[in-house]
Amino acid sequence: MSVLEDITIDLSIVLGSTNLPIRQILAMGRGAMIALDCGHDDPTLVYVNGKLVAKGRVLVDEDQMSLEVTEVIPREHR
């Protein structure tokens, strides 16, 4: 067993964000659309333990989604 197998990290893949009042969220039904602050060409951000470590783009193949990493953020810019 590798020593790395017991290490836990917090990984976040961020497509975009928005601010919504709770009343608007509570009023949403199934299939509701939420507008994000980014366009379809904007990069998806990859955070590890709260620090931006990479950028990429989401790929969709039928019912499978994946992330293609297009840029790794240099350590001195984290």
Protein backbone atom coordinates (compact mmCIF):
# COMPACT_ATOMS: atom_id res chain seq x y z
CA MET A 1 0.00 0.00 0.00
CA SER A 2 1.32 3.44 -1.00
CA VAL A 3 1.74 6.13 1.63
CA LEU A 4 -0.27 8.43 -0.69
CA GLU A 5 -3.41 6.29 -0.44
CA ASP A 6 -4.23 7.64 3.04
CA ILE A 7 -3.97 11.33 2.12
CA THR A 8 -7.27 13.19 1.82
CA ILE A 9 -7.62 16.32 -0.32
CA ASP A 10 -10.52 18.66 -1.06
CA LEU A 11 -10.94 18.84 -4.85
CA SER A 12 -13.33 21.36 -6.44
CA ILE A 13 -14.12 21.70 -10.14
CA VAL A 14 -15.71 25.13 -10.71
CA LEU A 15 -17.71 25.80 -13.87
CA GLY A 16 -18.81 29.26 -12.71
CA SER A 17 -20.68 30.97 -9.91
CA THR A 18 -23.63 33.24 -9.18
CA ASN A 19 -25.39 34.91 -6.25
CA LEU A 20 -29.05 34.04 -5.71
CA PRO A 21 -31.47 34.94 -2.94
CA ILE A 22 -32.64 31.92 -0.95
CA ARG A 23 -36.28 32.66 -1.90
CA GLN A 24 -35.35 32.25 -5.59
CA ILE A 25 -33.63 28.92 -4.92
CA LEU A 26 -36.60 27.65 -2.91
CA ALA A 27 -38.95 28.58 -5.76
CA MET A 28 -36.98 26.60 -8.36
CA GLY A 29 -38.38 23.39 -9.71
CA ARG A 30 -36.84 20.44 -11.48
CA GLY A 31 -35.07 21.52 -14.67
CA ALA A 32 -34.61 25.13 -13.56
CA MET A 33 -31.70 26.94 -15.20
CA ILE A 34 -29.17 28.94 -13.18
CA ALA A 35 -27.12 31.51 -15.11
CA LEU A 36 -23.42 31.49 -14.22
CA ASP A 37 -20.89 34.32 -14.44
CA CYS A 38 -18.97 32.69 -17.29
CA GLY A 39 -19.31 31.84 -20.95
CA HIS A 40 -19.02 28.47 -22.66
CA ASP A 41 -15.43 29.29 -23.76
CA ASP A 42 -14.25 30.25 -20.26
CA PRO A 43 -11.97 27.73 -18.54
CA THR A 44 -13.16 25.42 -15.81
CA LEU A 45 -11.14 25.99 -12.63
CA VAL A 46 -9.59 23.20 -10.54
CA TYR A 47 -8.98 23.91 -6.85
CA VAL A 48 -7.14 21.61 -4.44
CA ASN A 49 -7.49 22.46 -0.76
CA GLY A 50 -8.81 25.90 -1.72
CA LYS A 51 -5.93 26.80 -4.05
CA LEU A 52 -6.24 27.18 -7.82
CA VAL A 53 -3.96 24.52 -9.33
CA ALA A 54 -5.20 24.09 -12.91
CA LYS A 55 -7.60 25.21 -15.62
CA GLY A 56 -9.33 23.01 -18.13
CA ARG A 57 -12.45 22.31 -20.11
CA VAL A 58 -15.34 19.95 -19.58
CA LEU A 59 -15.77 17.20 -22.17
CA VAL A 60 -19.06 15.35 -22.63
CA ASP A 61 -19.33 11.99 -24.38
CA GLU A 62 -22.92 10.75 -24.27
CA ASP A 63 -23.57 10.27 -20.52
CA GLN A 64 -19.91 10.60 -19.43
CA MET A 65 -18.32 13.88 -18.32
CA SER A 66 -14.60 14.45 -17.89
CA LEU A 67 -12.19 17.33 -17.44
CA GLU A 68 -9.31 17.97 -19.82
CA VAL A 69 -6.57 19.92 -18.01
CA THR A 70 -5.31 22.62 -20.36
CA GLU A 71 -3.10 24.61 -17.98
CA VAL A 72 -1.33 23.86 -14.71
CA ILE A 73 -0.89 26.95 -12.54
CA PRO A 74 2.77 27.44 -11.54
CA ARG A 75 3.42 27.08 -7.82
CA GLU A 76 4.57 30.72 -7.50
CA HIS A 77 1.15 31.94 -8.72
CA ARG A 78 -0.95 29.89 -6.27
